[in-house]
Amino acid sequence: MPTKKPAPETESASFVSTYTLLIILSIPRIKRLRRTLQP
């Protein structure tokens, strides 16, 4: 973990990309979960 604080725009961009990656990765899991929940 870097000690110096990154620029706010870089921080927000990395946050958005991380969040997008999490969503993309969780889509199959959500689909599987919804299929399991359906009677």
N, C-alpha and C. Protein backbone atom coordinates (compact mmCIF):
# COMPACT_ATOMS: atom_id res chain seq x y z
N MET A 1 0.85 -1.21 0.00
CA MET A 1 0.00 0.00 0.00
C MET A 1 0.88 1.25 0.00
N PRO A 2 0.66 2.14 -0.96
CA PRO A 2 1.52 3.34 -1.03
C PRO A 2 1.24 4.29 0.14
N THR A 3 2.30 4.95 0.60
CA THR A 3 2.17 5.86 1.75
C THR A 3 1.62 7.21 1.32
N LYS A 4 2.04 7.69 0.13
CA LYS A 4 1.55 9.00 -0.32
C LYS A 4 0.15 8.88 -0.90
N LYS A 5 -0.68 9.86 -0.60
CA LYS A 5 -2.08 9.82 -1.02
C LYS A 5 -2.20 10.17 -2.50
N PRO A 6 -2.93 9.32 -3.28
CA PRO A 6 -3.09 9.61 -4.71
C PRO A 6 -4.04 10.77 -4.95
N ALA A 7 -4.03 11.28 -6.16
CA ALA A 7 -4.90 12.40 -6.52
C ALA A 7 -6.36 11.96 -6.46
N PRO A 8 -7.27 12.86 -6.07
CA PRO A 8 -8.70 12.50 -5.94
C PRO A 8 -9.31 11.91 -7.20
N GLU A 9 -8.94 12.46 -8.35
CA GLU A 9 -9.51 11.94 -9.61
C GLU A 9 -9.03 10.51 -9.89
N THR A 10 -7.77 10.23 -9.55
CA THR A 10 -7.23 8.88 -9.72
C THR A 10 -7.93 7.92 -8.75
N GLU A 11 -8.15 8.40 -7.54
CA GLU A 11 -8.78 7.58 -6.51
C GLU A 11 -10.20 7.21 -6.92
N SER A 12 -10.96 8.19 -7.40
CA SER A 12 -12.34 7.95 -7.81
C SER A 12 -12.39 7.03 -9.04
N ALA A 13 -11.46 7.21 -9.96
CA ALA A 13 -11.41 6.38 -11.16
C ALA A 13 -11.13 4.93 -10.80
N SER A 14 -10.18 4.71 -9.90
CA SER A 14 -9.85 3.36 -9.49
C SER A 14 -11.01 2.74 -8.70
N PHE A 15 -11.70 3.57 -7.93
CA PHE A 15 -12.87 3.11 -7.17
C PHE A 15 -13.97 2.65 -8.11
N VAL A 16 -14.23 3.45 -9.14
CA VAL A 16 -15.26 3.12 -10.13
C VAL A 16 -14.89 1.84 -10.88
N SER A 17 -13.64 1.71 -11.28
CA SER A 17 -13.22 0.52 -12.02
C SER A 17 -13.31 -0.72 -11.14
N THR A 18 -12.94 -0.58 -9.87
CA THR A 18 -13.02 -1.70 -8.93
C THR A 18 -14.48 -2.10 -8.74
N TYR A 19 -15.35 -1.12 -8.59
CA TYR A 19 -16.77 -1.36 -8.39
C TYR A 19 -17.38 -2.04 -9.61
N THR A 20 -17.01 -1.55 -10.81
CA THR A 20 -17.50 -2.14 -12.05
C THR A 20 -17.04 -3.59 -12.17
N LEU A 21 -15.78 -3.84 -11.82
CA LEU A 21 -15.24 -5.19 -11.88
C LEU A 21 -16.00 -6.11 -10.93
N LEU A 22 -16.29 -5.62 -9.72
CA LEU A 22 -17.06 -6.40 -8.75
C LEU A 22 -18.44 -6.74 -9.28
N ILE A 23 -19.10 -5.78 -9.90
CA ILE A 23 -20.44 -6.00 -10.47
C ILE A 23 -20.38 -7.05 -11.57
N ILE A 24 -19.41 -6.90 -12.48
CA ILE A 24 -19.26 -7.84 -13.60
C ILE A 24 -19.02 -9.26 -13.08
N LEU A 25 -18.18 -9.37 -12.04
CA LEU A 25 -17.88 -10.68 -11.47
C LEU A 25 -19.08 -11.27 -10.74
N SER A 26 -19.92 -10.43 -10.16
CA SER A 26 -21.05 -10.93 -9.38
C SER A 26 -22.29 -11.22 -10.22
N ILE A 27 -22.32 -10.78 -11.49
CA ILE A 27 -23.48 -11.02 -12.35
C ILE A 27 -23.81 -12.52 -12.47
N PRO A 28 -22.88 -13.41 -12.80
CA PRO A 28 -23.22 -14.83 -12.90
C PRO A 28 -23.75 -15.41 -11.59
N ARG A 29 -23.17 -14.96 -10.48
CA ARG A 29 -23.59 -15.42 -9.16
C ARG A 29 -25.03 -15.00 -8.87
N ILE A 30 -25.36 -13.75 -9.23
CA ILE A 30 -26.72 -13.23 -9.04
C ILE A 30 -27.71 -14.01 -9.91
N LYS A 31 -27.34 -14.26 -11.15
CA LYS A 31 -28.20 -15.02 -12.06
C LYS A 31 -28.47 -16.42 -11.52
N ARG A 32 -27.40 -17.06 -11.02
CA ARG A 32 -27.52 -18.40 -10.47
C ARG A 32 -28.41 -18.38 -9.23
N LEU A 33 -28.23 -17.35 -8.41
CA LEU A 33 -29.01 -17.20 -7.18
C LEU A 33 -30.49 -17.01 -7.51
N ARG A 34 -30.77 -16.15 -8.49
CA ARG A 34 -32.15 -15.89 -8.90
C ARG A 34 -32.81 -17.16 -9.46
N ARG A 35 -32.03 -17.94 -10.22
CA ARG A 35 -32.54 -19.17 -10.80
C ARG A 35 -32.86 -20.18 -9.68
N THR A 36 -32.02 -20.19 -8.65
CA THR A 36 -32.21 -21.08 -7.51
C THR A 36 -33.43 -20.66 -6.70
N LEU A 37 -33.63 -19.35 -6.55
CA LEU A 37 -34.75 -18.84 -5.76
C LEU A 37 -36.10 -19.03 -6.44
N GLN A 38 -36.10 -19.08 -7.77
CA GLN A 38 -37.37 -19.26 -8.50
C GLN A 38 -37.91 -20.68 -8.29
N PRO A 39 -39.20 -20.80 -7.99
CA PRO A 39 -39.80 -22.11 -7.75
C PRO A 39 -39.95 -22.95 -9.04
